């Protein structure tokens, strides 16, 4: 059951997401910021909760998208001069 929580003045219901989805999100965020320990930790937890390899790789792609878009936009700006 979700419980009331607060983080940096943001109120939310902890436990609203299913545990596997929460771990996959945490895995993606840790990948995106380059935090190896956190990525490995949350990948392991997601696998323990039944995450398939397809779900894991889809999560990796979601983590890559904002970074890829930033690189593309930066490259376009540089190339355009």
C-alpha atoms as a PDB file:
ATOM      1  CA  UNK A   1       0.000   0.000   0.000  1.00  0.00           C
ATOM      2  CA  UNK A   2       1.253   3.459  -0.918  1.00  0.00           C
ATOM      3  CA  UNK A   3       2.256   5.703   1.946  1.00  0.00           C
ATOM      4  CA  UNK A   4       2.580   9.454   2.159  1.00  0.00           C
ATOM      5  CA  UNK A   5       6.131  10.667   1.652  1.00  0.00           C
ATOM      6  CA  UNK A   6       8.005  13.874   0.935  1.00  0.00           C
ATOM      7  CA  UNK A   7      11.318  14.536  -0.799  1.00  0.00           C
ATOM      8  CA  UNK A   8      12.679  18.068  -1.241  1.00  0.00           C
ATOM      9  CA  UNK A   9       9.221  19.485  -0.546  1.00  0.00           C
ATOM     10  CA  UNK A  10       7.583  17.222  -3.153  1.00  0.00           C
ATOM     11  CA  UNK A  11       4.726  15.248  -1.639  1.00  0.00           C
ATOM     12  CA  UNK A  12       3.990  11.885  -3.192  1.00  0.00           C
ATOM     13  CA  UNK A  13       2.691   8.404  -2.411  1.00  0.00           C
ATOM     14  CA  UNK A  14       5.636   6.025  -2.057  1.00  0.00           C
ATOM     15  CA  UNK A  15       4.666   2.617  -3.376  1.00  0.00           C
ATOM     16  CA  UNK A  16       2.319   3.886  -6.079  1.00  0.00           C
ATOM     17  CA  UNK A  17       4.528   2.299  -8.741  1.00  0.00           C
ATOM     18  CA  UNK A  18       4.880  -1.433  -8.876  1.00  0.00           C
ATOM     19  CA  UNK A  19       8.271  -2.425  -7.410  1.00  0.00           C
ATOM     20  CA  UNK A  20       9.747  -3.719 -10.683  1.00  0.00           C
ATOM     21  CA  UNK A  21       8.859  -0.503 -12.540  1.00  0.00           C
ATOM     22  CA  UNK A  22      10.354   1.568  -9.722  1.00  0.00           C
ATOM     23  CA  UNK A  23      13.620  -0.392  -9.890  1.00  0.00           C
ATOM     24  CA  UNK A  24      13.773  -0.054 -13.677  1.00  0.00           C
ATOM     25  CA  UNK A  25      13.302   3.709 -13.359  1.00  0.00           C
ATOM     26  CA  UNK A  26      16.040   3.896 -10.730  1.00  0.00           C
ATOM     27  CA  UNK A  27      18.271   1.800 -12.998  1.00  0.00           C
ATOM     28  CA  UNK A  28      17.648   4.209 -15.913  1.00  0.00           C
ATOM     29  CA  UNK A  29      18.345   7.294 -13.825  1.00  0.00           C
ATOM     30  CA  UNK A  30      21.593   5.844 -12.504  1.00  0.00           C
ATOM     31  CA  UNK A  31      22.672   4.927 -16.045  1.00  0.00           C
ATOM     32  CA  UNK A  32      21.866   8.437 -17.265  1.00  0.00           C
ATOM     33  CA  UNK A  33      23.992  10.073 -14.571  1.00  0.00           C
ATOM     34  CA  UNK A  34      26.821   7.555 -14.893  1.00  0.00           C
ATOM     35  CA  UNK A  35      26.472   6.133 -11.374  1.00  0.00           C
ATOM     36  CA  UNK A  36      27.815   2.591 -11.762  1.00  0.00           C
ATOM     37  CA  UNK A  37      27.097   1.336  -8.242  1.00  0.00           C
ATOM     38  CA  UNK A  38      23.495   2.533  -8.329  1.00  0.00           C
ATOM     39  CA  UNK A  39      22.939   1.143 -11.837  1.00  0.00           C
ATOM     40  CA  UNK A  40      24.222  -2.286 -10.801  1.00  0.00           C
ATOM     41  CA  UNK A  41      22.238  -2.223  -7.557  1.00  0.00           C
ATOM     42  CA  UNK A  42      18.916  -1.351  -9.195  1.00  0.00           C
ATOM     43  CA  UNK A  43      19.514  -3.675 -12.159  1.00  0.00           C
ATOM     44  CA  UNK A  44      19.984  -6.535  -9.713  1.00  0.00           C
ATOM     45  CA  UNK A  45      16.847  -5.594  -7.796  1.00  0.00           C
ATOM     46  CA  UNK A  46      14.835  -5.313 -11.023  1.00  0.00           C
ATOM     47  CA  UNK A  47      16.013  -8.769 -12.071  1.00  0.00           C
ATOM     48  CA  UNK A  48      15.085 -10.169  -8.648  1.00  0.00           C
ATOM     49  CA  UNK A  49      11.597  -8.725  -9.206  1.00  0.00           C
ATOM     50  CA  UNK A  50      11.318 -10.528 -12.546  1.00  0.00           C
ATOM     51  CA  UNK A  51      12.482  -7.946 -15.093  1.00  0.00           C
ATOM     52  CA  UNK A  52      13.064  -9.610 -18.451  1.00  0.00           C
ATOM     53  CA  UNK A  53      16.040  -8.856 -20.679  1.00  0.00           C
ATOM     54  CA  UNK A  54      13.633  -7.116 -23.082  1.00  0.00           C
ATOM     55  CA  UNK A  55      12.388  -4.848 -20.270  1.00  0.00           C
ATOM     56  CA  UNK A  56      15.964  -4.121 -19.200  1.00  0.00           C
ATOM     57  CA  UNK A  57      17.101  -3.182 -22.717  1.00  0.00           C
ATOM     58  CA  UNK A  58      13.996  -1.055 -23.280  1.00  0.00           C
ATOM     59  CA  UNK A  59      14.905   0.767 -20.071  1.00  0.00           C
ATOM     60  CA  UNK A  60      18.453   1.305 -21.361  1.00  0.00           C
ATOM     61  CA  UNK A  61      17.077   2.908 -24.514  1.00  0.00           C
ATOM     62  CA  UNK A  62      14.854   5.206 -22.435  1.00  0.00           C
ATOM     63  CA  UNK A  63      17.919   6.269 -20.431  1.00  0.00           C
ATOM     64  CA  UNK A  64      19.809   6.984 -23.671  1.00  0.00           C
ATOM     65  CA  UNK A  65      17.150   9.083 -25.416  1.00  0.00           C
ATOM     66  CA  UNK A  66      17.629  12.427 -23.604  1.00  0.00           C
ATOM     67  CA  UNK A  67      21.399  12.162 -23.882  1.00  0.00           C
ATOM     68  CA  UNK A  68      21.228  11.267 -27.576  1.00  0.00           C
ATOM     69  CA  UNK A  69      18.918  14.212 -28.221  1.00  0.00           C
ATOM     70  CA  UNK A  70      21.330  16.569 -26.446  1.00  0.00           C
ATOM     71  CA  UNK A  71      24.270  15.296 -28.495  1.00  0.00           C
ATOM     72  CA  UNK A  72      22.282  15.643 -31.746  1.00  0.00           C
ATOM     73  CA  UNK A  73      21.173  19.184 -30.920  1.00  0.00           C
ATOM     74  CA  UNK A  74      24.666  20.229 -29.824  1.00  0.00           C
ATOM     75  CA  UNK A  75      26.172  18.778 -33.006  1.00  0.00           C
ATOM     76  CA  UNK A  76      23.614  20.578 -35.190  1.00  0.00           C
ATOM     77  CA  UNK A  77      24.406  23.886 -33.467  1.00  0.00           C
ATOM     78  CA  UNK A  78      28.167  23.393 -33.863  1.00  0.00           C
ATOM     79  CA  UNK A  79      27.888  22.303 -37.497  1.00  0.00           C
ATOM     80  CA  UNK A  80      25.561  25.194 -38.363  1.00  0.00           C
ATOM     81  CA  UNK A  81      28.303  27.469 -37.130  1.00  0.00           C
END
